Structures are given as C-alpha cells and as structure tokens.
C-alpha cells in the first residue's frame, strides 16, 4: 500500500482557506473578529501573527469601527504602527480605511484628536489620512 501525501502548495492553500473561514466564523457578539480583539487588547505579537495568517483589516464591528478605530480608541501605539506600516498588504494603510467613518461619524483621526492620542495623530497624518474629512455627527 502506497501513501500519497498532499503537496506543500495544497497544504498552504488549505490553511489559507481555513484562516479565511475562521475569521468569518469567529465573531464576538459585538461583531469583532479575532484581529479586532487582539488590537483592542494591545497584543502586537498576536496582531502580527493574525496579519501574517491573512487576517483582513477591513471588517467593521457593530459600531462600524475598524481595527484602526480600535487601535486609536484604546491608545495602542505599537499596534497602530504595525497596522499602518507593516500591514499595507491587508489594506490597513489604504486611504479608504484611514478615512472610514464609524457609526458615530468619526474617522480614526477624529478619535485620536478627541482622545488626545498625539502619537496616533502623528502616525495617521504620516500615513496620508485626509485632513479635510469632516466628522459626520458633531
């Protein structure tokens, strides 16, 4: 009897599919993904591992907050730096996500200013956030 093992490519494709499915399945009651939890809790190593496994930055929770909103709201400087600098491949550093509104009409920059999170303001500005975007509900 001969045993045939799957190729490394097949295994890699299978893992990516499982990771995508896991991200869809595992959502908190507030609609948060595992990446969102890691960001809010301030676990940079976990954030990095999830991004490396293919976690996406564009999902939003029930309050329409992205990972960028959460990193700013919880003042997670190192995590925000990771999301903006090292994770451009997942869309974290893109303009649409940088300037996205939450349910209260705030962008990550609005939240950083409101929280007095100076390091967050500087990082968002350096990443190209739009200075002309106005809060929707002030």
N, C-alpha and C. Protein backbone atom coordinates (compact mmCIF):
# COMPACT_ATOMS: atom_id res chain seq x y z
N UNK A 1 0.84 -1.17 0.00
CA UNK A 1 0.00 0.00 0.00
C UNK A 1 0.89 1.24 0.00
N UNK A 2 0.61 2.15 -0.91
CA UNK A 2 1.40 3.36 -1.04
C UNK A 2 0.63 4.56 -0.49
N UNK A 3 1.31 5.37 0.29
CA UNK A 3 0.69 6.54 0.89
C UNK A 3 1.12 7.79 0.12
N UNK A 4 0.16 8.56 -0.34
CA UNK A 4 0.46 9.80 -1.07
C UNK A 4 0.14 10.98 -0.17
N UNK A 5 1.13 11.81 0.04
CA UNK A 5 0.94 13.00 0.87
C UNK A 5 0.60 14.20 0.00
N UNK A 6 -0.22 15.12 0.53
CA UNK A 6 -0.53 16.33 -0.24
C UNK A 6 0.71 17.20 -0.40
N UNK A 7 0.77 17.92 -1.49
CA UNK A 7 1.92 18.79 -1.75
C UNK A 7 1.89 19.98 -0.78
N UNK A 8 3.05 20.61 -0.57
CA UNK A 8 3.09 21.80 0.30
C UNK A 8 2.17 22.91 -0.21
N UNK A 9 2.02 23.02 -1.53
CA UNK A 9 1.12 24.04 -2.09
C UNK A 9 -0.31 23.76 -1.70
N UNK A 10 -0.73 22.51 -1.77
CA UNK A 10 -2.09 22.13 -1.39
C UNK A 10 -2.33 22.42 0.09
N UNK A 11 -1.35 22.10 0.91
CA UNK A 11 -1.47 22.34 2.35
C UNK A 11 -1.58 23.84 2.61
N UNK A 12 -0.75 24.63 1.93
CA UNK A 12 -0.77 26.08 2.10
C UNK A 12 -2.12 26.67 1.69
N UNK A 13 -2.66 26.22 0.57
CA UNK A 13 -3.97 26.70 0.11
C UNK A 13 -5.06 26.33 1.10
N UNK A 14 -4.98 25.13 1.63
CA UNK A 14 -5.97 24.66 2.59
C UNK A 14 -5.93 25.51 3.87
N UNK A 15 -4.73 25.82 4.33
CA UNK A 15 -4.58 26.65 5.54
C UNK A 15 -5.14 28.05 5.32
N UNK A 16 -4.85 28.65 4.16
CA UNK A 16 -5.37 29.99 3.87
C UNK A 16 -6.89 29.98 3.86
N UNK A 17 -7.48 28.96 3.27
CA UNK A 17 -8.94 28.85 3.23
C UNK A 17 -9.50 28.68 4.64
N UNK A 18 -8.85 27.85 5.44
CA UNK A 18 -9.30 27.66 6.82
C UNK A 18 -9.21 28.97 7.61
N UNK A 19 -8.12 29.72 7.41
CA UNK A 19 -7.97 31.00 8.11
C UNK A 19 -9.07 31.97 7.72
N UNK A 20 -9.39 32.04 6.42
CA UNK A 20 -10.46 32.94 5.97
C UNK A 20 -11.79 32.53 6.57
N UNK A 21 -12.06 31.23 6.57
CA UNK A 21 -13.32 30.74 7.13
C UNK A 21 -13.37 30.97 8.63
N UNK A 22 -12.25 30.80 9.31
CA UNK A 22 -12.21 31.02 10.76
C UNK A 22 -12.50 32.48 11.08
N UNK A 23 -11.97 33.37 10.27
CA UNK A 23 -12.21 34.79 10.54
C UNK A 23 -13.69 35.12 10.39
N UNK A 24 -14.35 34.50 9.44
CA UNK A 24 -15.78 34.75 9.25
C UNK A 24 -16.60 34.15 10.39
N UNK A 25 -16.20 32.97 10.85
CA UNK A 25 -16.97 32.26 11.87
C UNK A 25 -16.82 32.86 13.25
N UNK A 26 -15.60 33.23 13.61
CA UNK A 26 -15.34 33.64 14.98
C UNK A 26 -15.51 35.14 15.15
N UNK A 27 -16.74 35.52 15.39
CA UNK A 27 -17.03 36.92 15.65
C UNK A 27 -17.69 37.03 17.01
N UNK A 28 -17.27 38.02 17.72
CA UNK A 28 -17.79 38.34 19.04
C UNK A 28 -19.21 38.87 18.89
N UNK A 29 -19.95 38.93 19.98
CA UNK A 29 -21.33 39.43 19.92
C UNK A 29 -21.39 40.87 19.41
N UNK A 30 -20.29 41.62 19.55
CA UNK A 30 -20.24 42.98 19.01
C UNK A 30 -19.78 42.98 17.56
N UNK A 31 -19.62 41.80 16.99
CA UNK A 31 -19.21 41.69 15.60
C UNK A 31 -17.72 41.83 15.39
N UNK A 32 -16.93 41.60 16.41
CA UNK A 32 -15.49 41.76 16.30
C UNK A 32 -14.79 40.47 15.90
N UNK A 33 -13.82 40.61 15.02
CA UNK A 33 -13.01 39.48 14.58
C UNK A 33 -11.88 39.24 15.58
N UNK A 34 -11.17 38.11 15.46
CA UNK A 34 -10.02 37.89 16.34
C UNK A 34 -8.98 39.02 16.23
N UNK A 35 -8.77 39.54 15.02
CA UNK A 35 -7.82 40.64 14.86
C UNK A 35 -8.29 41.87 15.65
N UNK A 36 -9.56 42.15 15.61
CA UNK A 36 -10.09 43.29 16.37
C UNK A 36 -9.86 43.12 17.87
N UNK A 37 -10.05 41.92 18.37
CA UNK A 37 -9.81 41.65 19.79
C UNK A 37 -8.34 41.85 20.15
N UNK A 38 -7.45 41.34 19.29
CA UNK A 38 -6.01 41.48 19.55
C UNK A 38 -5.60 42.95 19.53
N UNK A 39 -6.17 43.72 18.61
CA UNK A 39 -5.87 45.15 18.52
C UNK A 39 -6.34 45.87 19.79
N UNK A 40 -7.59 45.66 20.16
CA UNK A 40 -8.17 46.33 21.33
C UNK A 40 -7.42 45.96 22.62
N UNK A 41 -6.99 44.70 22.72
CA UNK A 41 -6.28 44.25 23.91
C UNK A 41 -4.82 44.69 23.93
N UNK A 42 -4.32 45.14 22.78
CA UNK A 42 -2.93 45.61 22.72
C UNK A 42 -1.91 44.50 22.69
N UNK A 43 -2.13 43.49 21.85
CA UNK A 43 -1.21 42.36 21.73
C UNK A 43 -0.52 42.40 20.36
N UNK A 44 0.58 43.16 20.23
CA UNK A 44 1.23 43.31 18.93
C UNK A 44 1.69 42.00 18.29
N UNK A 45 2.21 41.08 19.08
CA UNK A 45 2.67 39.81 18.52
C UNK A 45 1.51 39.01 17.93
N UNK A 46 0.37 39.05 18.60
CA UNK A 46 -0.82 38.34 18.11
C UNK A 46 -1.33 39.03 16.85
N UNK A 47 -1.35 40.36 16.85
CA UNK A 47 -1.77 41.12 15.67
C UNK A 47 -0.90 40.74 14.48
N UNK A 48 0.41 40.71 14.69
CA UNK A 48 1.35 40.37 13.63
C UNK A 48 1.10 38.95 13.12
N UNK A 49 0.87 38.01 14.02
CA UNK A 49 0.61 36.62 13.63
C UNK A 49 -0.68 36.51 12.82
N UNK A 50 -1.73 37.20 13.26
CA UNK A 50 -3.01 37.15 12.54
C UNK A 50 -2.88 37.77 11.15
N UNK A 51 -2.16 38.88 11.05
CA UNK A 51 -1.95 39.51 9.74
C UNK A 51 -1.15 38.59 8.82
N UNK A 52 -0.13 37.94 9.38
CA UNK A 52 0.68 37.02 8.59
C UNK A 52 -0.14 35.83 8.11
N UNK A 53 -1.16 35.46 8.88
CA UNK A 53 -2.03 34.34 8.51
C UNK A 53 -3.13 34.77 7.54
N UNK A 54 -3.17 36.05 7.19
CA UNK A 54 -4.15 36.51 6.21
C UNK A 54 -5.37 37.23 6.75
N UNK A 55 -5.35 37.60 8.03
CA UNK A 55 -6.48 38.35 8.59
C UNK A 55 -6.64 39.67 7.85
N UNK A 56 -7.87 40.04 7.61
CA UNK A 56 -8.15 41.28 6.88
C UNK A 56 -8.40 42.43 7.85
N UNK A 57 -8.07 43.62 7.40
CA UNK A 57 -8.25 44.83 8.23
C UNK A 57 -9.57 45.53 7.97
N UNK A 58 -10.24 45.19 6.89
CA UNK A 58 -11.42 45.96 6.51
C UNK A 58 -12.74 45.61 7.19
N UNK A 59 -12.91 44.47 7.86
CA UNK A 59 -14.18 44.25 8.56
C UNK A 59 -14.40 45.31 9.65
N UNK A 60 -15.66 45.58 9.92
CA UNK A 60 -16.02 46.53 10.98
C UNK A 60 -16.95 45.83 11.97
N UNK A 61 -16.96 46.32 13.20
CA UNK A 61 -17.85 45.74 14.21
C UNK A 61 -19.22 46.40 14.13
N UNK A 62 -20.08 46.11 15.08
CA UNK A 62 -21.45 46.66 15.05
C UNK A 62 -21.48 48.18 15.16
N UNK A 63 -20.44 48.77 15.75
CA UNK A 63 -20.33 50.23 15.84
C UNK A 63 -19.62 50.80 14.61
N UNK A 64 -19.41 49.93 13.60
CA UNK A 64 -18.75 50.28 12.34
C UNK A 64 -17.30 50.74 12.54
N UNK A 65 -16.68 50.22 13.61
CA UNK A 65 -15.28 50.56 13.88
C UNK A 65 -14.36 49.51 13.27
N UNK A 66 -13.33 50.00 12.60
CA UNK A 66 -12.31 49.13 12.02
C UNK A 66 -11.20 48.90 13.04
N UNK A 67 -10.20 48.12 12.64
CA UNK A 67 -9.05 47.91 13.53
C UNK A 67 -8.32 49.22 13.80
N UNK A 68 -8.34 50.14 12.84
CA UNK A 68 -7.69 51.43 13.06
C UNK A 68 -8.45 52.24 14.12
N UNK A 69 -9.78 52.25 14.03
CA UNK A 69 -10.58 52.93 15.05
C UNK A 69 -10.27 52.35 16.44
N UNK A 70 -10.22 51.02 16.53
CA UNK A 70 -10.00 50.37 17.82
C UNK A 70 -8.60 50.65 18.37
N UNK A 71 -7.59 50.61 17.50
CA UNK A 71 -6.22 50.89 17.94
C UNK A 71 -6.12 52.30 18.52
N UNK A 72 -6.79 53.24 17.87
CA UNK A 72 -6.76 54.63 18.34
C UNK A 72 -7.57 54.78 19.62
N UNK A 73 -8.77 54.23 19.63
CA UNK A 73 -9.66 54.36 20.78
C UNK A 73 -9.02 53.80 22.06
N UNK A 74 -8.26 52.70 21.91
CA UNK A 74 -7.61 52.07 23.06
C UNK A 74 -6.16 52.53 23.24
N UNK A 75 -5.76 53.51 22.43
CA UNK A 75 -4.42 54.11 22.51
C UNK A 75 -3.32 53.06 22.40
N UNK A 76 -3.42 52.21 21.40
CA UNK A 76 -2.45 51.13 21.18
C UNK A 76 -1.41 51.57 20.15
N UNK A 77 -0.42 52.32 20.61
CA UNK A 77 0.57 52.92 19.73
C UNK A 77 1.33 51.89 18.90
N UNK A 78 1.87 50.87 19.55
CA UNK A 78 2.65 49.86 18.83
C UNK A 78 1.79 49.10 17.82
N UNK A 79 0.58 48.78 18.21
CA UNK A 79 -0.34 48.07 17.31
C UNK A 79 -0.72 48.96 16.13
N UNK A 80 -0.99 50.22 16.38
CA UNK A 80 -1.33 51.14 15.29
C UNK A 80 -0.16 51.26 14.32
N UNK A 81 1.05 51.33 14.84
CA UNK A 81 2.24 51.39 13.99
C UNK A 81 2.33 50.15 13.11
N UNK A 82 2.07 48.98 13.69
CA UNK A 82 2.07 47.73 12.92
C UNK A 82 1.03 47.76 11.81
N UNK A 83 -0.17 48.18 12.16
CA UNK A 83 -1.26 48.21 11.19
C UNK A 83 -0.96 49.16 10.04
N UNK A 84 -0.40 50.30 10.34
CA UNK A 84 -0.15 51.31 9.32
C UNK A 84 1.10 51.03 8.50
N UNK A 85 2.16 50.57 9.13
CA UNK A 85 3.44 50.41 8.44
C UNK A 85 3.66 49.02 7.88
N UNK A 86 3.40 48.01 8.68
CA UNK A 86 3.78 46.67 8.28
C UNK A 86 2.70 45.87 7.62
N UNK A 87 1.50 46.38 7.54
CA UNK A 87 0.39 45.55 7.08
C UNK A 87 -0.34 46.16 5.89
N UNK A 88 0.36 46.87 5.05
CA UNK A 88 -0.29 47.51 3.90
C UNK A 88 -0.92 46.48 2.97
N UNK A 89 -0.38 45.28 2.95
CA UNK A 89 -0.93 44.24 2.09
C UNK A 89 -2.35 43.84 2.43
N UNK A 90 -2.76 44.04 3.67
CA UNK A 90 -4.13 43.66 4.05
C UNK A 90 -5.09 44.84 3.94
N UNK A 91 -4.59 45.97 3.49
CA UNK A 91 -5.46 47.12 3.30
C UNK A 91 -5.53 48.06 4.48
N UNK A 92 -4.74 47.81 5.52
CA UNK A 92 -4.80 48.67 6.71
C UNK A 92 -4.34 50.08 6.43
N UNK A 93 -3.36 50.22 5.58
CA UNK A 93 -2.81 51.54 5.33
C UNK A 93 -3.47 52.28 4.19
N UNK A 94 -4.51 51.72 3.61
CA UNK A 94 -5.16 52.36 2.47
C UNK A 94 -6.02 53.55 2.87
N UNK A 95 -6.18 54.49 1.94
CA UNK A 95 -6.94 55.70 2.20
C UNK A 95 -8.36 55.44 2.64
N UNK A 96 -9.03 54.49 2.02
CA UNK A 96 -10.43 54.22 2.35
C UNK A 96 -10.57 53.83 3.82
N UNK A 97 -9.68 53.01 4.32
CA UNK A 97 -9.75 52.58 5.72
C UNK A 97 -9.29 53.70 6.66
N UNK A 98 -8.29 54.45 6.24
CA UNK A 98 -7.80 55.57 7.05
C UNK A 98 -8.90 56.60 7.31
N UNK A 99 -9.73 56.81 6.31
CA UNK A 99 -10.75 57.86 6.38
C UNK A 99 -12.16 57.32 6.56
N UNK A 100 -12.27 56.06 6.98
CA UNK A 100 -13.59 55.44 7.16
C UNK A 100 -14.28 55.99 8.41
N UNK A 101 -15.59 56.13 8.31
CA UNK A 101 -16.40 56.62 9.43
C UNK A 101 -16.93 55.46 10.27
N UNK A 102 -16.97 55.65 11.58
CA UNK A 102 -17.66 54.69 12.44
C UNK A 102 -19.13 55.10 12.53
N UNK A 103 -19.92 54.40 13.32
CA UNK A 103 -21.36 54.68 13.42
C UNK A 103 -21.64 56.07 14.01
N UNK A 104 -20.68 56.62 14.73
CA UNK A 104 -20.85 57.96 15.31
C UNK A 104 -20.36 59.06 14.37
N UNK A 105 -19.90 58.67 13.18
CA UNK A 105 -19.45 59.66 12.20
C UNK A 105 -18.02 60.12 12.38
N UNK A 106 -17.20 59.33 13.07
CA UNK A 106 -15.80 59.70 13.31
C UNK A 106 -14.84 58.82 12.53
N UNK A 107 -13.78 59.43 12.03
CA UNK A 107 -12.69 58.68 11.42
C UNK A 107 -11.68 58.36 12.52
N UNK A 108 -10.69 57.49 12.24
CA UNK A 108 -9.66 57.26 13.25
C UNK A 108 -8.96 58.56 13.68
N UNK A 109 -8.76 59.49 12.75
CA UNK A 109 -8.12 60.76 13.11
C UNK A 109 -8.98 61.56 14.08
N UNK A 110 -10.28 61.61 13.85
CA UNK A 110 -11.18 62.32 14.77
C UNK A 110 -11.08 61.72 16.18
N UNK A 111 -11.06 60.39 16.26
CA UNK A 111 -10.96 59.73 17.56
C UNK A 111 -9.62 60.03 18.23
N UNK A 112 -8.54 60.00 17.45
CA UNK A 112 -7.21 60.27 18.01
C UNK A 112 -7.14 61.68 18.59
N UNK A 113 -7.72 62.64 17.87
CA UNK A 113 -7.74 64.02 18.36
C UNK A 113 -8.59 64.12 19.62
N UNK A 114 -9.78 63.53 19.60
CA UNK A 114 -10.69 63.59 20.74
C UNK A 114 -10.08 62.94 21.99
N UNK A 115 -9.30 61.87 21.78
CA UNK A 115 -8.67 61.16 22.90
C UNK A 115 -7.37 61.81 23.35
N UNK A 116 -6.89 62.79 22.61
CA UNK A 116 -5.60 63.39 22.94
C UNK A 116 -4.45 62.43 22.69
N UNK A 117 -4.62 61.52 21.74
CA UNK A 117 -3.63 60.49 21.42
C UNK A 117 -2.68 61.04 20.36
N UNK A 118 -1.72 61.85 20.84
CA UNK A 118 -0.81 62.57 19.95
C UNK A 118 -0.03 61.65 19.02
N UNK A 119 0.51 60.57 19.54
CA UNK A 119 1.28 59.64 18.71
C UNK A 119 0.40 59.07 17.60
N UNK A 120 -0.86 58.78 17.92
CA UNK A 120 -1.80 58.29 16.91
C UNK A 120 -2.08 59.32 15.84
N UNK A 121 -2.25 60.57 16.25
CA UNK A 121 -2.48 61.66 15.29
C UNK A 121 -1.30 61.74 14.33
N UNK A 122 -0.09 61.74 14.86
CA UNK A 122 1.11 61.85 14.03
C UNK A 122 1.21 60.68 13.06
N UNK A 123 1.00 59.46 13.54
CA UNK A 123 1.08 58.28 12.66
C UNK A 123 0.03 58.33 11.56
N UNK A 124 -1.19 58.70 11.90
CA UNK A 124 -2.25 58.78 10.90
C UNK A 124 -1.94 59.85 9.86
N UNK A 125 -1.43 60.99 10.29
CA UNK A 125 -1.08 62.05 9.35
C UNK A 125 0.04 61.60 8.42
N UNK A 126 1.04 60.94 8.96
CA UNK A 126 2.16 60.43 8.13
C UNK A 126 1.70 59.35 7.16
N UNK A 127 0.62 58.68 7.49
CA UNK A 127 0.11 57.61 6.61
C UNK A 127 -0.80 58.16 5.52
N UNK A 128 -1.09 59.46 5.58
CA UNK A 128 -1.85 60.06 4.50
C UNK A 128 -3.33 60.24 4.74
N UNK A 129 -3.76 60.24 5.99
CA UNK A 129 -5.17 60.47 6.26
C UNK A 129 -5.57 61.85 5.73
N UNK A 130 -6.80 61.98 5.31
CA UNK A 130 -7.29 63.21 4.71
C UNK A 130 -7.62 64.23 5.80
N UNK A 131 -6.92 65.35 5.78
CA UNK A 131 -7.14 66.40 6.79
C UNK A 131 -8.45 67.14 6.60
N UNK A 132 -9.04 67.02 5.43
CA UNK A 132 -10.27 67.76 5.12
C UNK A 132 -11.54 66.97 5.44
N UNK A 133 -11.40 65.70 5.80
CA UNK A 133 -12.57 64.88 6.11
C UNK A 133 -13.21 65.42 7.38
N UNK A 134 -14.50 65.67 7.32
CA UNK A 134 -15.22 66.22 8.47
C UNK A 134 -16.00 65.11 9.17
N UNK A 135 -16.09 65.23 10.49
CA UNK A 135 -16.91 64.29 11.25
C UNK A 135 -18.35 64.44 10.76
N UNK A 136 -19.07 63.35 10.73
CA UNK A 136 -20.44 63.40 10.21
C UNK A 136 -21.46 63.84 11.24
N UNK A 137 -21.18 63.60 12.52
CA UNK A 137 -22.14 63.97 13.58
C UNK A 137 -21.41 64.60 14.74
N UNK A 138 -21.24 65.87 14.73
CA UNK A 138 -20.56 66.55 15.85
C UNK A 138 -21.56 67.26 16.71
